[in-house]
Amino acid sequence: MTVLDNHRTYPELPHPRWRLPPVGDLLSYDVDAPSQSAVRFAARLGPIYELRALGVRYVVAAGAEFVTDLNDETRFCKHLGPEIAAMRIVGGDLVADPNYRLQIQERLTTMPKGFRLTPRLR
């Protein structure tokens, strides 16, 4: 059993072999092809599995039926991780808006003068 806090325990989820405490599952993950890594993990481990990276636990749901079930907002609430919350500082809640591509384009074209998203190459 995996203990998440003092009140609840959950069964351990499948995870890649050779997990190392300091880096977690990073050695099993192909950083050059992240989507293909996720597909390989789902084929080996099943539709729900966990990854750990540098002390952070990620639970991954693969497959249309599981993702559709988990996206049912009448039964589950959304949790925005720190990565998504940080992205919202620049982009706002653009995913919820049907015109998000236009808004991204507008935000990028109206950045302050001198602001660069990429470093200047010389």
Protein backbone atom coordinates (compact mmCIF):
# COMPACT_ATOMS: atom_id res chain seq x y z
CA MET A 1 0.00 0.00 0.00
CA THR A 2 1.10 3.54 -0.71
CA VAL A 3 0.39 5.98 2.12
CA LEU A 4 -0.41 9.47 0.84
CA ASP A 5 -1.32 11.06 4.15
CA ASN A 6 -2.24 10.03 7.70
CA HIS A 7 -5.88 9.28 6.84
CA ARG A 8 -5.91 7.42 3.50
CA THR A 9 -3.98 4.63 1.83
CA TYR A 10 -4.21 3.57 -1.78
CA PRO A 11 -2.89 0.55 -3.64
CA GLU A 12 0.40 1.04 -5.42
CA LEU A 13 -0.02 1.83 -9.13
CA PRO A 14 2.06 0.13 -11.82
CA HIS A 15 5.26 1.97 -12.68
CA PRO A 16 8.34 1.42 -14.85
CA ARG A 17 11.03 -0.88 -13.53
CA TRP A 18 14.35 0.37 -12.21
CA ARG A 19 13.04 3.34 -10.25
CA LEU A 20 15.85 5.16 -8.45
CA PRO A 21 15.02 7.30 -5.38
CA PRO A 22 16.79 10.55 -6.38
CA VAL A 23 15.58 10.70 -10.01
CA GLY A 24 12.56 8.39 -9.98
CA ASP A 25 11.59 7.08 -13.42
CA LEU A 26 13.59 9.56 -15.48
CA LEU A 27 16.00 6.88 -16.70
CA SER A 28 13.09 4.89 -18.18
CA TYR A 29 11.68 7.92 -19.99
CA ASP A 30 12.80 8.92 -23.49
CA VAL A 31 13.05 12.72 -23.36
CA ASP A 32 13.51 12.90 -27.15
CA ALA A 33 10.17 11.14 -27.76
CA PRO A 34 7.92 11.82 -24.73
CA SER A 35 4.63 10.88 -26.39
CA GLN A 36 6.04 7.58 -27.61
CA SER A 37 7.34 6.89 -24.10
CA ALA A 38 3.85 7.41 -22.70
CA VAL A 39 2.38 5.03 -25.30
CA ARG A 40 5.01 2.37 -24.51
CA PHE A 41 4.37 2.70 -20.77
CA ALA A 42 0.60 2.34 -21.32
CA ALA A 43 1.12 -0.77 -23.45
CA ARG A 44 3.35 -2.34 -20.78
CA LEU A 45 1.78 -1.08 -17.55
CA GLY A 46 -1.91 -0.68 -18.40
CA PRO A 47 -4.27 2.25 -18.78
CA ILE A 48 -3.42 3.89 -15.43
CA TYR A 49 0.14 4.09 -14.17
CA GLU A 50 2.40 6.38 -12.20
CA LEU A 51 5.66 8.12 -12.94
CA ARG A 52 7.94 9.78 -10.43
CA ALA A 53 10.44 12.43 -11.38
CA LEU A 54 12.62 14.31 -8.91
CA GLY A 55 10.25 13.62 -6.02
CA VAL A 56 7.03 14.53 -7.87
CA ARG A 57 4.36 11.86 -8.47
CA TYR A 58 2.42 11.88 -11.75
CA VAL A 59 -0.57 9.59 -12.29
CA VAL A 60 -1.16 9.00 -16.01
CA ALA A 61 -4.45 7.86 -17.56
CA ALA A 62 -4.15 6.46 -21.08
CA GLY A 63 -6.99 5.44 -23.35
CA ALA A 64 -10.06 7.31 -24.48
CA GLU A 65 -12.53 5.67 -22.10
CA PHE A 66 -10.46 6.43 -18.98
CA VAL A 67 -9.73 10.00 -20.02
CA THR A 68 -13.40 10.60 -20.89
CA ASP A 69 -14.44 9.22 -17.52
CA LEU A 70 -11.91 11.35 -15.64
CA ASN A 71 -12.96 14.50 -17.52
CA ASP A 72 -16.52 14.20 -16.19
CA GLU A 73 -16.68 17.38 -14.10
CA THR A 74 -19.88 16.26 -12.38
CA ARG A 75 -17.85 13.54 -10.59
CA PHE A 76 -14.31 14.95 -10.46
CA CYS A 77 -12.88 18.40 -9.83
CA LYS A 78 -9.95 19.91 -11.69
CA HIS A 79 -6.56 20.29 -10.10
CA LEU A 80 -4.03 22.53 -11.74
CA GLY A 81 -0.48 21.54 -10.99
CA PRO A 82 2.21 24.16 -10.47
CA GLU A 83 3.35 23.81 -14.09
CA ILE A 84 -0.09 24.71 -15.52
CA ALA A 85 -0.59 27.47 -12.95
CA ALA A 86 2.73 29.00 -14.03
CA MET A 87 1.72 28.80 -17.70
CA ARG A 88 -1.50 30.68 -16.93
CA ILE A 89 0.52 33.71 -15.83
CA VAL A 90 1.43 34.28 -19.49
CA GLY A 91 -1.45 32.63 -21.32
CA GLY A 92 -4.41 33.01 -18.97
CA ASP A 93 -7.22 30.46 -19.18
CA LEU A 94 -6.99 30.11 -22.94
CA VAL A 95 -7.87 26.43 -23.12
CA ALA A 96 -11.41 27.10 -21.91
CA ASP A 97 -11.97 29.72 -24.61
CA PRO A 98 -12.86 28.50 -28.12
CA ASN A 99 -10.85 31.36 -29.62
CA TYR A 100 -7.70 30.55 -27.67
CA ARG A 101 -5.43 30.42 -30.74
CA LEU A 102 -6.44 33.94 -31.70
CA GLN A 103 -5.87 35.13 -28.15
CA ILE A 104 -2.42 33.54 -28.02
CA GLN A 105 -1.52 35.22 -31.30
CA GLU A 106 -2.81 38.55 -29.99
CA ARG A 107 -0.88 38.25 -26.72
CA LEU A 108 2.33 37.35 -28.52
CA THR A 109 2.02 40.20 -31.02
CA THR A 110 1.25 42.78 -28.33
CA MET A 111 4.18 41.97 -26.04
CA PRO A 112 6.08 45.00 -24.73
CA LYS A 113 8.82 46.36 -26.95
CA GLY A 114 12.08 44.53 -26.33
CA PHE A 115 10.40 41.46 -24.80
CA ARG A 116 11.73 38.22 -26.33
CA LEU A 117 10.50 34.66 -25.84
CA THR A 118 13.77 33.20 -27.11
CA PRO A 119 17.32 34.35 -26.50
CA ARG A 120 18.87 36.47 -29.21
CA LEU A 121 21.41 34.51 -31.27
CA ARG A 122 24.48 36.37 -32.40
